PDB file of N, CA and C in Angstrom:
ATOM      1  N   MET A   1     108.687 161.846 102.583  1.00  0.00           N
ATOM      2  CA  MET A   1     108.536 161.638 104.009  1.00  0.00           C
ATOM      3  C   MET A   1     107.178 161.020 104.299  1.00  0.00           C
ATOM      4  N   ARG A   2     107.116 160.313 105.383  1.00  0.00           N
ATOM      5  CA  ARG A   2     105.890 159.645 105.772  1.00  0.00           C
ATOM      6  C   ARG A   2     104.984 160.569 106.576  1.00  0.00           C
ATOM      7  N   PRO A   3     103.682 160.329 106.495  1.00  0.00           N
ATOM      8  CA  PRO A   3     102.765 161.103 107.331  1.00  0.00           C
ATOM      9  C   PRO A   3     102.973 160.738 108.794  1.00  0.00           C
ATOM     10  N   ARG A   4     102.671 161.690 109.678  1.00  0.00           N
ATOM     11  CA  ARG A   4     102.799 161.427 111.117  1.00  0.00           C
ATOM     12  C   ARG A   4     101.817 162.288 111.890  1.00  0.00           C
ATOM     13  N   ASN A   5     101.564 161.910 113.125  1.00  0.00           N
ATOM     14  CA  ASN A   5     100.659 162.671 113.971  1.00  0.00           C
ATOM     15  C   ASN A   5     101.433 163.739 114.729  1.00  0.00           C
ATOM     16  N   ILE A   6     100.876 164.950 114.773  1.00  0.00           N
ATOM     17  CA  ILE A   6     101.452 166.036 115.559  1.00  0.00           C
ATOM     18  C   ILE A   6     100.326 166.733 116.313  1.00  0.00           C
ATOM     19  N   GLU A   7     100.690 167.411 117.408  1.00  0.00           N
ATOM     20  CA  GLU A   7      99.727 168.192 118.173  1.00  0.00           C
ATOM     21  C   GLU A   7     100.043 169.669 117.995  1.00  0.00           C
ATOM     22  N   VAL A   8      98.994 170.459 117.722  1.00  0.00           N
ATOM     23  CA  VAL A   8      99.154 171.878 117.437  1.00  0.00           C
ATOM     24  C   VAL A   8      98.170 172.664 118.303  1.00  0.00           C
ATOM     25  N   SER A   9      98.682 173.625 119.073  1.00  0.00           N
ATOM     26  CA  SER A   9      97.812 174.504 119.856  1.00  0.00           C
ATOM     27  C   SER A   9      97.302 175.622 118.959  1.00  0.00           C
ATOM     28  N   THR A  10      96.018 175.937 119.089  1.00  0.00           N
ATOM     29  CA  THR A  10      95.412 176.989 118.281  1.00  0.00           C
ATOM     30  C   THR A  10      94.183 177.524 118.989  1.00  0.00           C
ATOM     31  N   HIS A  11      93.544 178.485 118.376  1.00  0.00           N
ATOM     32  CA  HIS A  11      92.323 179.071 118.922  1.00  0.00           C
ATOM     33  C   HIS A  11      91.146 178.810 117.986  1.00  0.00           C
ATOM     34  N   LEU A  12      90.023 178.492 118.584  1.00  0.00           N
ATOM     35  CA  LEU A  12      88.743 178.421 117.866  1.00  0.00           C
ATOM     36  C   LEU A  12      87.870 179.477 118.512  1.00  0.00           C
ATOM     37  N   GLY A  13      87.751 180.603 117.852  1.00  0.00           N
ATOM     38  CA  GLY A  13      87.068 181.735 118.476  1.00  0.00           C
ATOM     39  C   GLY A  13      87.886 182.207 119.665  1.00  0.00           C
ATOM     40  N   GLU A  14      87.299 182.175 120.841  1.00  0.00           N
ATOM     41  CA  GLU A  14      88.016 182.600 122.048  1.00  0.00           C
ATOM     42  C   GLU A  14      88.547 181.427 122.844  1.00  0.00           C
ATOM     43  N   CYS A  15      88.272 180.199 122.399  1.00  0.00           N
ATOM     44  CA  CYS A  15      88.728 179.003 123.115  1.00  0.00           C
ATOM     45  C   CYS A  15      90.093 178.556 122.589  1.00  0.00           C
ATOM     46  N   GLU A  16      90.990 178.257 123.515  1.00  0.00           N
ATOM     47  CA  GLU A  16      92.263 177.672 123.124  1.00  0.00           C
ATOM     48  C   GLU A  16      92.102 176.158 123.136  1.00  0.00           C
ATOM     49  N   VAL A  17      92.562 175.513 122.073  1.00  0.00           N
ATOM     50  CA  VAL A  17      92.422 174.065 121.928  1.00  0.00           C
ATOM     51  C   VAL A  17      93.739 173.459 121.445  1.00  0.00           C
ATOM     52  N   VAL A  18      93.823 172.140 121.576  1.00  0.00           N
ATOM     53  CA  VAL A  18      94.943 171.391 121.007  1.00  0.00           C
ATOM     54  C   VAL A  18      94.360 170.437 119.974  1.00  0.00           C
ATOM     55  N   ALA A  19      94.809 170.588 118.748  1.00  0.00           N
ATOM     56  CA  ALA A  19      94.338 169.726 117.659  1.00  0.00           C
ATOM     57  C   ALA A  19      95.401 168.675 117.367  1.00  0.00           C
ATOM     58  N   THR A  20      94.998 167.424 117.317  1.00  0.00           N
ATOM     59  CA  THR A  20      95.875 166.342 116.880  1.00  0.00           C
ATOM     60  C   THR A  20      95.578 166.125 115.406  1.00  0.00           C
ATOM     61  N   VAL A  21      96.616 166.225 114.595  1.00  0.00           N
ATOM     62  CA  VAL A  21      96.431 166.102 113.151  1.00  0.00           C
ATOM     63  C   VAL A  21      97.366 165.053 112.572  1.00  0.00           C
ATOM     64  N   ARG A  22      96.908 164.438 111.501  1.00  0.00           N
ATOM     65  CA  ARG A  22      97.767 163.570 110.689  1.00  0.00           C
ATOM     66  C   ARG A  22      98.378 164.512 109.666  1.00  0.00           C
ATOM     67  N   TYR A  23      99.691 164.678 109.739  1.00  0.00           N
ATOM     68  CA  TYR A  23     100.405 165.652 108.914  1.00  0.00           C
ATOM     69  C   TYR A  23     101.074 164.941 107.749  1.00  0.00           C
ATOM     70  N   TYR A  24     100.738 165.390 106.544  1.00  0.00           N
ATOM     71  CA  TYR A  24     101.340 164.871 105.320  1.00  0.00           C
ATOM     72  C   TYR A  24     102.275 165.942 104.776  1.00  0.00           C
ATOM     73  N   PRO A  25     103.594 165.757 104.882  1.00  0.00           N
ATOM     74  CA  PRO A  25     104.538 166.805 104.472  1.00  0.00           C
ATOM     75  C   PRO A  25     104.481 167.126 102.982  1.00  0.00           C
ATOM     76  N   ALA A  26     104.899 168.331 102.672  1.00  0.00           N
ATOM     77  CA  ALA A  26     104.957 168.782 101.283  1.00  0.00           C
ATOM     78  C   ALA A  26     105.997 167.966 100.516  1.00  0.00           C
ATOM     79  N   PHE A  27     105.763 167.838  99.235  1.00  0.00           N
ATOM     80  CA  PHE A  27     106.722 167.186  98.348  1.00  0.00           C
ATOM     81  C   PHE A  27     107.217 168.243  97.373  1.00  0.00           C
ATOM     82  N   PRO A  28     108.532 168.484  97.317  1.00  0.00           N
ATOM     83  CA  PRO A  28     109.040 169.579  96.487  1.00  0.00           C
ATOM     84  C   PRO A  28     108.936 169.353  94.982  1.00  0.00           C
ATOM     85  N   GLY A  29     108.676 168.124  94.580  1.00  0.00           N
ATOM     86  CA  GLY A  29     108.599 167.854  93.149  1.00  0.00           C
ATOM     87  C   GLY A  29     109.984 167.632  92.558  1.00  0.00           C
ATOM     88  N   SER A  30     110.020 167.222  91.316  1.00  0.00           N
ATOM     89  CA  SER A  30     111.296 167.006  90.631  1.00  0.00           C
ATOM     90  C   SER A  30     111.089 167.209  89.134  1.00  0.00           C
ATOM     91  N   TRP A  31     112.142 167.671  88.484  1.00  0.00           N
ATOM     92  CA  TRP A  31     112.070 167.865  87.041  1.00  0.00           C
ATOM     93  C   TRP A  31     112.126 166.536  86.300  1.00  0.00           C
ATOM     94  N   TYR A  32     113.042 165.678  86.751  1.00  0.00           N
ATOM     95  CA  TYR A  32     113.248 164.396  86.080  1.00  0.00           C
ATOM     96  C   TYR A  32     113.453 163.307  87.110  1.00  0.00           C
ATOM     97  N   ARG A  33     113.101 162.088  86.732  1.00  0.00           N
ATOM     98  CA  ARG A  33     113.397 160.922  87.567  1.00  0.00           C
ATOM     99  C   ARG A  33     114.800 160.444  87.217  1.00  0.00           C
ATOM    100  N   ARG A  34     115.329 159.558  88.032  1.00  0.00           N
ATOM    101  CA  ARG A  34     116.703 159.069  87.805  1.00  0.00           C
ATOM    102  C   ARG A  34     116.875 158.389  86.458  1.00  0.00           C
ATOM    103  N   ASN A  35     115.795 157.799  85.942  1.00  0.00           N
ATOM    104  CA  ASN A  35     115.894 157.101  84.656  1.00  0.00           C
ATOM    105  C   ASN A  35     115.660 158.034  83.468  1.00  0.00           C
ATOM    106  N   GLY A  36     115.477 159.338  83.724  1.00  0.00           N
ATOM    107  CA  GLY A  36     115.292 160.307  82.656  1.00  0.00           C
ATOM    108  C   GLY A  36     113.841 160.635  82.338  1.00  0.00           C
ATOM    109  N   ASP A  37     112.920 159.866  82.890  1.00  0.00           N
ATOM    110  CA  ASP A  37     111.502 160.158  82.674  1.00  0.00           C
ATOM    111  C   ASP A  37     111.136 161.498  83.312  1.00  0.00           C
ATOM    112  N   PRO A  38     110.036 162.102  82.853  1.00  0.00           N
ATOM    113  CA  PRO A  38     109.578 163.354  83.477  1.00  0.00           C
ATOM    114  C   PRO A  38     109.323 163.153  84.971  1.00  0.00           C
ATOM    115  N   GLY A  39     109.592 164.180  85.733  1.00  0.00           N
ATOM    116  CA  GLY A  39     109.433 164.103  87.182  1.00  0.00           C
ATOM    117  C   GLY A  39     108.000 164.298  87.639  1.00  0.00           C
ATOM    118  N   ASP A  40     107.861 164.567  88.917  1.00  0.00           N
ATOM    119  CA  ASP A  40     106.547 164.743  89.536  1.00  0.00           C
ATOM    120  C   ASP A  40     106.354 166.194  89.951  1.00  0.00           C
ATOM    121  N   PRO A  41     105.110 166.680  89.899  1.00  0.00           N
ATOM    122  CA  PRO A  41     104.854 168.068  90.313  1.00  0.00           C
ATOM    123  C   PRO A  41     104.944 168.213  91.836  1.00  0.00           C
ATOM    124  N   PRO A  42     105.202 169.414  92.310  1.00  0.00           N
ATOM    125  CA  PRO A  42     105.233 169.624  93.756  1.00  0.00           C
ATOM    126  C   PRO A  42     103.838 169.490  94.352  1.00  0.00           C
ATOM    127  N   GLU A  43     103.776 169.078  95.614  1.00  0.00           N
ATOM    128  CA  GLU A  43     102.511 168.963  96.320  1.00  0.00           C
ATOM    129  C   GLU A  43     102.628 169.681  97.654  1.00  0.00           C
ATOM    130  N   PRO A  44     101.631 170.465  98.044  1.00  0.00           N
ATOM    131  CA  PRO A  44     101.680 171.155  99.330  1.00  0.00           C
ATOM    132  C   PRO A  44     101.445 170.179 100.480  1.00  0.00           C
ATOM    133  N   SER A  45     101.820 170.589 101.687  1.00  0.00           N
ATOM    134  CA  SER A  45     101.521 169.758 102.848  1.00  0.00           C
ATOM    135  C   SER A  45     100.008 169.754 103.076  1.00  0.00           C
ATOM    136  N   GLU A  46      99.534 168.690 103.712  1.00  0.00           N
ATOM    137  CA  GLU A  46      98.115 168.549 104.008  1.00  0.00           C
ATOM    138  C   GLU A  46      97.954 168.048 105.434  1.00  0.00           C
ATOM    139  N   VAL A  47      96.801 168.342 106.020  1.00  0.00           N
ATOM    140  CA  VAL A  47      96.506 167.837 107.357  1.00  0.00           C
ATOM    141  C   VAL A  47      95.116 167.218 107.384  1.00  0.00           C
ATOM    142  N   GLU A  48      94.972 166.223 108.229  1.00  0.00           N
ATOM    143  CA  GLU A  48      93.682 165.613 108.524  1.00  0.00           C
ATOM    144  C   GLU A  48      93.513 165.728 110.034  1.00  0.00           C
ATOM    145  N   VAL A  49      92.513 166.457 110.481  1.00  0.00           N
ATOM    146  CA  VAL A  49      92.303 166.644 111.915  1.00  0.00           C
ATOM    147  C   VAL A  49      91.707 165.367 112.496  1.00  0.00           C
ATOM    148  N   ILE A  50      92.409 164.794 113.478  1.00  0.00           N
ATOM    149  CA  ILE A  50      91.996 163.536 114.091  1.00  0.00           C
ATOM    150  C   ILE A  50      91.202 163.788 115.366  1.00  0.00           C
ATOM    151  N   ALA A  51      91.648 164.757 116.166  1.00  0.00           N
ATOM    152  CA  ALA A  51      90.993 165.047 117.437  1.00  0.00           C
ATOM    153  C   ALA A  51      91.207 166.509 117.798  1.00  0.00           C
ATOM    154  N   ILE A  52      90.265 167.056 118.549  1.00  0.00           N
ATOM    155  CA  ILE A  52      90.386 168.408 119.081  1.00  0.00           C
ATOM    156  C   ILE A  52      90.032 168.331 120.555  1.00  0.00           C
ATOM    157  N   LYS A  53      90.940 168.833 121.407  1.00  0.00           N
ATOM    158  CA  LYS A  53      90.705 168.842 122.850  1.00  0.00           C
ATOM    159  C   LYS A  53      90.743 170.265 123.370  1.00  0.00           C
ATOM    160  N   TYR A  54      89.824 170.531 124.293  1.00  0.00           N
ATOM    161  CA  TYR A  54      89.866 171.812 124.995  1.00  0.00           C
ATOM    162  C   TYR A  54      91.018 171.754 125.994  1.00  0.00           C
ATOM    163  N   MET A  55      91.438 172.902 126.498  1.00  0.00           N
ATOM    164  CA  MET A  55      92.587 172.944 127.410  1.00  0.00           C
ATOM    165  C   MET A  55      92.322 172.193 128.716  1.00  0.00           C
ATOM    166  N   ASP A  56      91.050 172.007 129.093  1.00  0.00           N
ATOM    167  CA  ASP A  56      90.744 171.239 130.305  1.00  0.00           C
ATOM    168  C   ASP A  56      90.781 169.733 130.058  1.00  0.00           C
ATOM    169  N   GLY A  57      91.087 169.325 128.817  1.00  0.00           N
ATOM    170  CA  GLY A  57      91.214 167.918 128.479  1.00  0.00           C
ATOM    171  C   GLY A  57      89.977 167.303 127.856  1.00  0.00           C
ATOM    172  N   ALA A  58      88.843 168.020 127.894  1.00  0.00           N
ATOM    173  CA  ALA A  58      87.617 167.490 127.293  1.00  0.00           C
ATOM    174  C   ALA A  58      87.775 167.401 125.776  1.00  0.00           C
ATOM    175  N   LYS A  59      87.291 166.310 125.215  1.00  0.00           N
ATOM    176  CA  LYS A  59      87.417 166.073 123.781  1.00  0.00           C
ATOM    177  C   LYS A  59      86.187 166.600 123.050  1.00  0.00           C
ATOM    178  N   MET A  60      86.396 167.305 121.943  1.00  0.00           N
ATOM    179  CA  MET A  60      85.297 167.805 121.119  1.00  0.00           C
ATOM    180  C   MET A  60      84.775 166.642 120.273  1.00  0.00           C
ATOM    181  N   GLU A  61      83.447 166.518 120.210  1.00  0.00           N
ATOM    182  CA  GLU A  61      82.854 165.403 119.473  1.00  0.00           C
ATOM    183  C   GLU A  61      81.669 165.870 118.630  1.00  0.00           C
ATOM    184  N   GLY A  62      81.147 164.968 117.827  1.00  0.00           N
ATOM    185  CA  GLY A  62      79.926 165.195 117.070  1.00  0.00           C
ATOM    186  C   GLY A  62      80.032 166.282 116.021  1.00  0.00           C
ATOM    187  N   ARG A  63      78.932 167.007 115.868  1.00  0.00           N
ATOM    188  CA  ARG A  63      78.859 168.053 114.843  1.00  0.00           C
ATOM    189  C   ARG A  63      79.880 169.156 115.077  1.00  0.00           C
ATOM    190  N   ASP A  64      80.107 169.507 116.357  1.00  0.00           N
ATOM    191  CA  ASP A  64      81.113 170.537 116.653  1.00  0.00           C
ATOM    192  C   ASP A  64      82.471 170.119 116.113  1.00  0.00           C
ATOM    193  N   PHE A  65      82.848 168.854 116.361  1.00  0.00           N
ATOM    194  CA  PHE A  65      84.137 168.371 115.865  1.00  0.00           C
ATOM    195  C   PHE A  65      84.178 168.416 114.343  1.00  0.00           C
ATOM    196  N   ASP A  66      83.151 167.888 113.699  1.00  0.00           N
ATOM    197  CA  ASP A  66      83.128 167.859 112.236  1.00  0.00           C
ATOM    198  C   ASP A  66      83.289 169.257 111.650  1.00  0.00           C
ATOM    199  N   HIS A  67      82.538 170.201 112.198  1.00  0.00           N
ATOM    200  CA  HIS A  67      82.574 171.576 111.703  1.00  0.00           C
ATOM    201  C   HIS A  67      83.963 172.196 111.888  1.00  0.00           C
ATOM    202  N   HIS A  68      84.497 172.098 113.113  1.00  0.00           N
ATOM    203  CA  HIS A  68      85.775 172.747 113.398  1.00  0.00           C
ATOM    204  C   HIS A  68      86.951 172.028 112.740  1.00  0.00           C
ATOM    205  N   ALA A  69      86.877 170.714 112.600  1.00  0.00           N
ATOM    206  CA  ALA A  69      87.944 169.975 111.926  1.00  0.00           C
ATOM    207  C   ALA A  69      88.061 170.422 110.474  1.00  0.00           C
ATOM    208  N   GLU A  70      86.924 170.567 109.811  1.00  0.00           N
ATOM    209  CA  GLU A  70      86.935 171.012 108.414  1.00  0.00           C
ATOM    210  C   GLU A  70      87.431 172.457 108.313  1.00  0.00           C
ATOM    211  N   GLN A  71      86.991 173.284 109.254  1.00  0.00           N
ATOM    212  CA  GLN A  71      87.408 174.689 109.282  1.00  0.00           C
ATOM    213  C   GLN A  71      88.926 174.806 109.459  1.00  0.00           C
ATOM    214  N   LEU A  72      89.486 174.028 110.384  1.00  0.00           N
ATOM    215  CA  LEU A  72      90.935 174.077 110.606  1.00  0.00           C
ATOM    216  C   LEU A  72      91.708 173.585 109.387  1.00  0.00           C
ATOM    217  N   ALA A  73      91.244 172.507 108.768  1.00  0.00           N
ATOM    218  CA  ALA A  73      91.948 171.930 107.616  1.00  0.00           C
ATOM    219  C   ALA A  73      92.005 172.897 106.437  1.00  0.00           C
ATOM    220  N   GLN A  74      91.076 173.852 106.375  1.00  0.00           N
ATOM    221  CA  GLN A  74      91.047 174.828 105.290  1.00  0.00           C
ATOM    222  C   GLN A  74      91.739 176.145 105.642  1.00  0.00           C
ATOM    223  N   ASP A  75      92.126 176.319 106.902  1.00  0.00           N
ATOM    224  CA  ASP A  75      92.691 177.580 107.389  1.00  0.00           C
ATOM    225  C   ASP A  75      94.191 177.659 107.079  1.00  0.00           C
ATOM    226  N   GLU A  76      94.582 178.601 106.223  1.00  0.00           N
ATOM    227  CA  GLU A  76      96.001 178.744 105.819  1.00  0.00           C
ATOM    228  C   GLU A  76      96.916 179.000 107.012  1.00  0.00           C
ATOM    229  N   ASN A  77      96.470 179.806 107.977  1.00  0.00           N
ATOM    230  CA  ASN A  77      97.296 180.084 109.157  1.00  0.00           C
ATOM    231  C   ASN A  77      97.534 178.822 109.973  1.00  0.00           C
ATOM    232  N   PHE A  78      96.496 177.987 110.092  1.00  0.00           N
ATOM    233  CA  PHE A  78      96.644 176.730 110.819  1.00  0.00           C
ATOM    234  C   PHE A  78      97.594 175.797 110.081  1.00  0.00           C
ATOM    235  N   LEU A  79      97.490 175.741 108.764  1.00  0.00           N
ATOM    236  CA  LEU A  79      98.391 174.886 107.983  1.00  0.00           C
ATOM    237  C   LEU A  79      99.843 175.334 108.128  1.00  0.00           C
ATOM    238  N   GLU A  80     100.070 176.649 108.147  1.00  0.00           N
ATOM    239  CA  GLU A  80     101.430 177.166 108.357  1.00  0.00           C
ATOM    240  C   GLU A  80     101.941 176.784 109.739  1.00  0.00           C
ATOM    241  N   LYS A  81     101.069 176.863 110.739  1.00  0.00           N
ATOM    242  CA  LYS A  81     101.461 176.489 112.097  1.00  0.00           C
ATOM    243  C   LYS A  81     101.804 175.000 112.163  1.00  0.00           C
ATOM    244  N   CYS A  82     101.053 174.174 111.459  1.00  0.00           N
ATOM    245  CA  CYS A  82     101.353 172.738 111.392  1.00  0.00           C
ATOM    246  C   CYS A  82     102.726 172.504 110.765  1.00  0.00           C
ATOM    247  N   ASP A  83     103.033 173.233 109.688  1.00  0.00           N
ATOM    248  CA  ASP A  83     104.356 173.124 109.060  1.00  0.00           C
ATOM    249  C   ASP A  83     105.455 173.477 110.061  1.00  0.00           C
ATOM    250  N   GLU A  84     105.261 174.554 110.829  1.00  0.00           N
ATOM    251  CA  GLU A  84     106.251 174.981 111.820  1.00  0.00           C
ATOM    252  C   GLU A  84     106.444 173.918 112.902  1.00  0.00           C
ATOM    253  N   VAL A  85     105.336 173.392 113.429  1.00  0.00           N
ATOM    254  CA  VAL A  85     105.419 172.364 114.484  1.00  0.00           C
ATOM    255  C   VAL A  85     106.110 171.117 113.945  1.00  0.00           C
ATOM    256  N   ALA A  86     105.787 170.723 112.730  1.00  0.00           N
ATOM    257  CA  ALA A  86     106.410 169.539 112.128  1.00  0.00           C
ATOM    258  C   ALA A  86     107.909 169.730 111.961  1.00  0.00           C
ATOM    259  N   MET A  87     108.330 170.926 111.564  1.00  0.00           N
ATOM    260  CA  MET A  87     109.764 171.190 111.402  1.00  0.00           C
ATOM    261  C   MET A  87     110.477 171.183 112.758  1.00  0.00           C
ATOM    262  N   GLU A  88     109.842 171.725 113.802  1.00  0.00           N
ATOM    263  CA  GLU A  88     110.430 171.723 115.133  1.00  0.00           C
ATOM    264  C   GLU A  88     110.588 170.277 115.643  1.00  0.00           C
ATOM    265  N   ASP A  89     109.590 169.438 115.376  1.00  0.00           N
ATOM    266  CA  ASP A  89     109.652 168.040 115.813  1.00  0.00           C
ATOM    267  C   ASP A  89     110.772 167.274 115.137  1.00  0.00           C
ATOM    268  N   ARG A  90     111.125 167.668 113.917  1.00  0.00           N
ATOM    269  CA  ARG A  90     112.210 166.985 113.185  1.00  0.00           C
ATOM    270  C   ARG A  90     113.568 167.292 113.756  1.00  0.00           C
ATOM    271  N   GLU A  91     113.719 168.460 114.362  1.00  0.00           N
ATOM    272  CA  GLU A  91     115.040 168.881 114.851  1.00  0.00           C
ATOM    273  C   GLU A  91     115.407 168.226 116.156  1.00  0.00           C
TER     274      GLU A  91
END
């Protein structure tokens, strides 16, 4: 599947925000390719945080954005939420 942009609501401390992320879906892997060659290993889904907006619409920028974008990309709960939002968007 191709990467795509999704919006995910989450909390940063006590602030509720909407993060726009580039979502790269998981790849389940395969044992063998069609030609009989060894397959590819599975890969987990990944996200790249593109933007973070506060609920009033103000955009987070600068060091705050850099810090929180990295924090969200490493947060397992946020990654699970991204997977859920991506699956809902597919339906």
